[in-house]
């Protein structure tokens, strides 16, 4: 057990994930399968962006821009009343 896993497994709220990794890792079938499994559990994955990666390569896998992440959050929570 670790704090992240324990928190995730006990969460009763929307869980958002914004993955970032090298393009070959991102495109790997095992990773794509895991993304599909996470979505099937109700998690919300914010798609990785396309562009220059830390490895110097260019492609899919870049962390979504903060504005994109915030747009997903705003869209999801629009109309929700918070106490």
C-alpha atoms as a PDB file:
ATOM      1  CA  UNK A   1       0.000   0.000   0.000  1.00  0.00           C
ATOM      2  CA  UNK A   2       0.973   3.601  -0.541  1.00  0.00           C
ATOM      3  CA  UNK A   3      -0.801   6.901  -0.050  1.00  0.00           C
ATOM      4  CA  UNK A   4      -1.641   7.428  -3.716  1.00  0.00           C
ATOM      5  CA  UNK A   5      -3.099   3.951  -4.212  1.00  0.00           C
ATOM      6  CA  UNK A   6      -5.026   4.044  -0.940  1.00  0.00           C
ATOM      7  CA  UNK A   7      -6.490   7.451  -1.792  1.00  0.00           C
ATOM      8  CA  UNK A   8      -7.454   6.409  -5.325  1.00  0.00           C
ATOM      9  CA  UNK A   9      -9.066   3.132  -4.288  1.00  0.00           C
ATOM     10  CA  UNK A  10     -11.168   4.808  -1.602  1.00  0.00           C
ATOM     11  CA  UNK A  11     -12.198   7.848  -3.697  1.00  0.00           C
ATOM     12  CA  UNK A  12     -15.932   8.471  -4.079  1.00  0.00           C
ATOM     13  CA  UNK A  13     -15.483  11.413  -6.374  1.00  0.00           C
ATOM     14  CA  UNK A  14     -14.485  11.984  -9.982  1.00  0.00           C
ATOM     15  CA  UNK A  15     -10.852  11.086 -10.599  1.00  0.00           C
ATOM     16  CA  UNK A  16      -9.102  13.015 -13.357  1.00  0.00           C
ATOM     17  CA  UNK A  17      -5.815  11.889 -14.870  1.00  0.00           C
ATOM     18  CA  UNK A  18      -3.552  13.769 -17.243  1.00  0.00           C
ATOM     19  CA  UNK A  19      -0.923  11.280 -18.400  1.00  0.00           C
ATOM     20  CA  UNK A  20       2.386  12.299 -19.912  1.00  0.00           C
ATOM     21  CA  UNK A  21       5.066  10.005 -21.303  1.00  0.00           C
ATOM     22  CA  UNK A  22       7.286   9.375 -24.296  1.00  0.00           C
ATOM     23  CA  UNK A  23       5.495   8.750 -27.584  1.00  0.00           C
ATOM     24  CA  UNK A  24       6.462   5.064 -27.830  1.00  0.00           C
ATOM     25  CA  UNK A  25       5.224   4.429 -24.308  1.00  0.00           C
ATOM     26  CA  UNK A  26       2.006   6.357 -24.985  1.00  0.00           C
ATOM     27  CA  UNK A  27       1.311   4.377 -28.160  1.00  0.00           C
ATOM     28  CA  UNK A  28       2.059   0.972 -26.604  1.00  0.00           C
ATOM     29  CA  UNK A  29      -0.988  -1.337 -26.641  1.00  0.00           C
ATOM     30  CA  UNK A  30      -0.610  -2.128 -22.921  1.00  0.00           C
ATOM     31  CA  UNK A  31      -0.788   1.566 -22.034  1.00  0.00           C
ATOM     32  CA  UNK A  32      -3.771   2.155 -24.321  1.00  0.00           C
ATOM     33  CA  UNK A  33      -5.477  -0.897 -22.802  1.00  0.00           C
ATOM     34  CA  UNK A  34      -4.862   0.469 -19.310  1.00  0.00           C
ATOM     35  CA  UNK A  35      -6.316   3.835 -20.353  1.00  0.00           C
ATOM     36  CA  UNK A  36      -9.448   2.040 -21.573  1.00  0.00           C
ATOM     37  CA  UNK A  37      -9.683   0.109 -18.315  1.00  0.00           C
ATOM     38  CA  UNK A  38      -9.335   3.298 -16.259  1.00  0.00           C
ATOM     39  CA  UNK A  39     -12.090   4.943 -18.334  1.00  0.00           C
ATOM     40  CA  UNK A  40     -14.318   1.900 -17.806  1.00  0.00           C
ATOM     41  CA  UNK A  41     -14.003   2.495 -14.052  1.00  0.00           C
ATOM     42  CA  UNK A  42     -15.346   6.024 -14.534  1.00  0.00           C
ATOM     43  CA  UNK A  43     -12.035   7.870 -14.448  1.00  0.00           C
ATOM     44  CA  UNK A  44     -11.649  10.879 -16.691  1.00  0.00           C
ATOM     45  CA  UNK A  45      -8.464  10.885 -18.736  1.00  0.00           C
ATOM     46  CA  UNK A  46      -7.345  14.180 -20.209  1.00  0.00           C
ATOM     47  CA  UNK A  47      -5.642  13.340 -23.483  1.00  0.00           C
ATOM     48  CA  UNK A  48      -1.937  13.965 -23.805  1.00  0.00           C
ATOM     49  CA  UNK A  49      -0.912  16.664 -26.209  1.00  0.00           C
ATOM     50  CA  UNK A  50       1.211  16.516 -29.325  1.00  0.00           C
ATOM     51  CA  UNK A  51       4.537  18.301 -29.415  1.00  0.00           C
ATOM     52  CA  UNK A  52       8.137  18.225 -28.294  1.00  0.00           C
ATOM     53  CA  UNK A  53       8.749  15.685 -25.539  1.00  0.00           C
ATOM     54  CA  UNK A  54      11.432  15.562 -22.844  1.00  0.00           C
ATOM     55  CA  UNK A  55      13.313  12.978 -24.941  1.00  0.00           C
ATOM     56  CA  UNK A  56      13.694  15.506 -27.739  1.00  0.00           C
ATOM     57  CA  UNK A  57      11.298  13.579 -29.966  1.00  0.00           C
ATOM     58  CA  UNK A  58       8.060  15.054 -31.227  1.00  0.00           C
ATOM     59  CA  UNK A  59       4.744  13.284 -30.927  1.00  0.00           C
ATOM     60  CA  UNK A  60       1.795  12.326 -28.741  1.00  0.00           C
ATOM     61  CA  UNK A  61       2.496  12.054 -25.027  1.00  0.00           C
ATOM     62  CA  UNK A  62       3.079  15.603 -23.872  1.00  0.00           C
ATOM     63  CA  UNK A  63       1.228  16.704 -20.743  1.00  0.00           C
ATOM     64  CA  UNK A  64      -1.911  18.608 -21.690  1.00  0.00           C
ATOM     65  CA  UNK A  65      -1.534  22.352 -21.322  1.00  0.00           C
ATOM     66  CA  UNK A  66      -2.834  23.777 -18.027  1.00  0.00           C
ATOM     67  CA  UNK A  67      -5.560  25.658 -19.919  1.00  0.00           C
ATOM     68  CA  UNK A  68      -6.768  22.388 -21.482  1.00  0.00           C
ATOM     69  CA  UNK A  69      -6.822  20.651 -18.107  1.00  0.00           C
ATOM     70  CA  UNK A  70      -8.762  23.530 -16.561  1.00  0.00           C
ATOM     71  CA  UNK A  71     -11.235  23.532 -19.467  1.00  0.00           C
ATOM     72  CA  UNK A  72     -12.003  19.839 -18.845  1.00  0.00           C
ATOM     73  CA  UNK A  73     -12.475  20.509 -15.129  1.00  0.00           C
ATOM     74  CA  UNK A  74     -14.700  23.556 -15.729  1.00  0.00           C
ATOM     75  CA  UNK A  75     -16.834  21.638 -18.237  1.00  0.00           C
ATOM     76  CA  UNK A  76     -17.225  18.693 -15.864  1.00  0.00           C
ATOM     77  CA  UNK A  77     -18.130  20.759 -12.814  1.00  0.00           C
ATOM     78  CA  UNK A  78     -20.266  23.407 -14.554  1.00  0.00           C
ATOM     79  CA  UNK A  79     -23.599  23.650 -12.821  1.00  0.00           C
ATOM     80  CA  UNK A  80     -22.509  21.711  -9.744  1.00  0.00           C
ATOM     81  CA  UNK A  81     -23.312  23.366  -6.430  1.00  0.00           C
ATOM     82  CA  UNK A  82     -20.514  23.239  -3.894  1.00  0.00           C
ATOM     83  CA  UNK A  83     -21.018  23.892  -0.209  1.00  0.00           C
END
